[in-house]
Amino acid sequence: MLLKLYALPSLYRQGDFTCVGLYENDVATLLFYHASNTQEVLTELTPFVSTQDLAAIQDIISDLEQRISRFKRNTDNA
């Protein structure tokens, strides 16, 4: 997950929508099934990314966590 998150801001800048989709799906799947501590991941990444990329990674994680939360709510209500 760490490497996928590291790569995502660059893929966004390159406009590589196919890879963005694949990488985000991989991260979302890992978050869904393994409920990783995202703060630990962010702490690991911090020395290696710019502040702009770190903010983008935080936004990506937040968005994915919200999507997972909506999915879980929908499946619980089904």
Protein backbone atom coordinates (compact mmCIF):
# COMPACT_ATOMS: atom_id res chain seq x y z
CA MET A 1 0.00 0.00 0.00
CA LEU A 2 2.85 2.32 0.85
CA LEU A 3 4.34 2.17 -2.64
CA LYS A 4 0.96 2.54 -4.34
CA LEU A 5 0.22 5.67 -2.30
CA TYR A 6 3.71 7.01 -2.99
CA ALA A 7 3.11 6.69 -6.74
CA LEU A 8 -0.42 8.08 -6.92
CA PRO A 9 0.31 11.85 -6.84
CA SER A 10 2.75 11.45 -9.72
CA LEU A 11 0.24 9.39 -11.70
CA TYR A 12 -2.35 12.14 -11.17
CA ARG A 13 0.10 14.75 -12.47
CA GLN A 14 0.83 12.57 -15.51
CA GLY A 15 -2.89 12.18 -16.17
CA ASP A 16 -2.55 8.39 -16.25
CA PHE A 17 -6.16 7.60 -15.39
CA THR A 18 -5.80 3.87 -16.02
CA CYS A 19 -2.95 3.47 -13.53
CA VAL A 20 -4.64 5.81 -11.05
CA GLY A 21 -7.72 3.60 -11.11
CA LEU A 22 -5.71 0.43 -10.65
CA TYR A 23 -3.59 1.83 -7.84
CA GLU A 24 -6.56 3.35 -6.02
CA ASN A 25 -8.42 0.06 -6.31
CA ASP A 26 -5.45 -1.80 -4.85
CA VAL A 27 -5.23 0.62 -1.92
CA ALA A 28 -9.00 0.52 -1.36
CA THR A 29 -8.98 -3.27 -1.33
CA LEU A 30 -6.14 -3.36 1.18
CA LEU A 31 -7.87 -0.81 3.39
CA PHE A 32 -11.16 -2.71 3.19
CA TYR A 33 -9.80 -6.14 4.02
CA HIS A 34 -6.91 -5.26 6.30
CA ALA A 35 -7.98 -2.00 7.98
CA SER A 36 -4.43 -0.69 7.96
CA ASN A 37 -3.34 2.10 10.25
CA THR A 38 -3.13 4.87 7.68
CA GLN A 39 -1.40 7.22 10.10
CA GLU A 40 1.55 4.82 10.27
CA VAL A 41 1.68 4.71 6.48
CA LEU A 42 1.65 8.51 6.29
CA THR A 43 4.39 8.71 8.91
CA GLU A 44 6.51 6.31 6.83
CA LEU A 45 5.96 8.32 3.65
CA THR A 46 6.52 11.79 5.10
CA PRO A 47 10.33 11.93 4.71
CA PHE A 48 10.11 10.85 1.08
CA VAL A 49 7.38 13.05 -0.40
CA SER A 50 6.78 16.77 -0.79
CA THR A 51 4.22 18.50 1.39
CA GLN A 52 1.95 18.81 -1.67
CA ASP A 53 2.17 15.09 -2.39
CA LEU A 54 1.59 14.25 1.27
CA ALA A 55 -1.56 16.38 1.25
CA ALA A 56 -2.71 14.64 -1.95
CA ILE A 57 -2.07 11.22 -0.38
CA GLN A 58 -4.05 12.23 2.71
CA ASP A 59 -6.93 13.33 0.46
CA ILE A 60 -6.81 10.03 -1.44
CA ILE A 61 -6.88 8.01 1.78
CA SER A 62 -9.74 10.12 3.14
CA ASP A 63 -11.74 9.65 -0.06
CA LEU A 64 -11.14 5.90 -0.10
CA GLU A 65 -12.08 5.57 3.58
CA GLN A 66 -15.33 7.46 2.92
CA ARG A 67 -16.14 5.20 -0.02
CA ILE A 68 -15.45 2.11 2.09
CA SER A 69 -17.65 3.49 4.87
CA ARG A 70 -20.53 4.08 2.42
CA PHE A 71 -20.09 0.59 1.00
CA LYS A 72 -20.17 -0.99 4.45
CA ARG A 73 -23.28 1.00 5.41
CA ASN A 74 -25.03 -0.10 2.23
CA THR A 75 -24.14 -3.75 2.71
CA ASP A 76 -25.19 -3.65 6.38
CA ASN A 77 -28.60 -2.27 5.36
CA ALA A 78 -29.13 -4.83 2.60
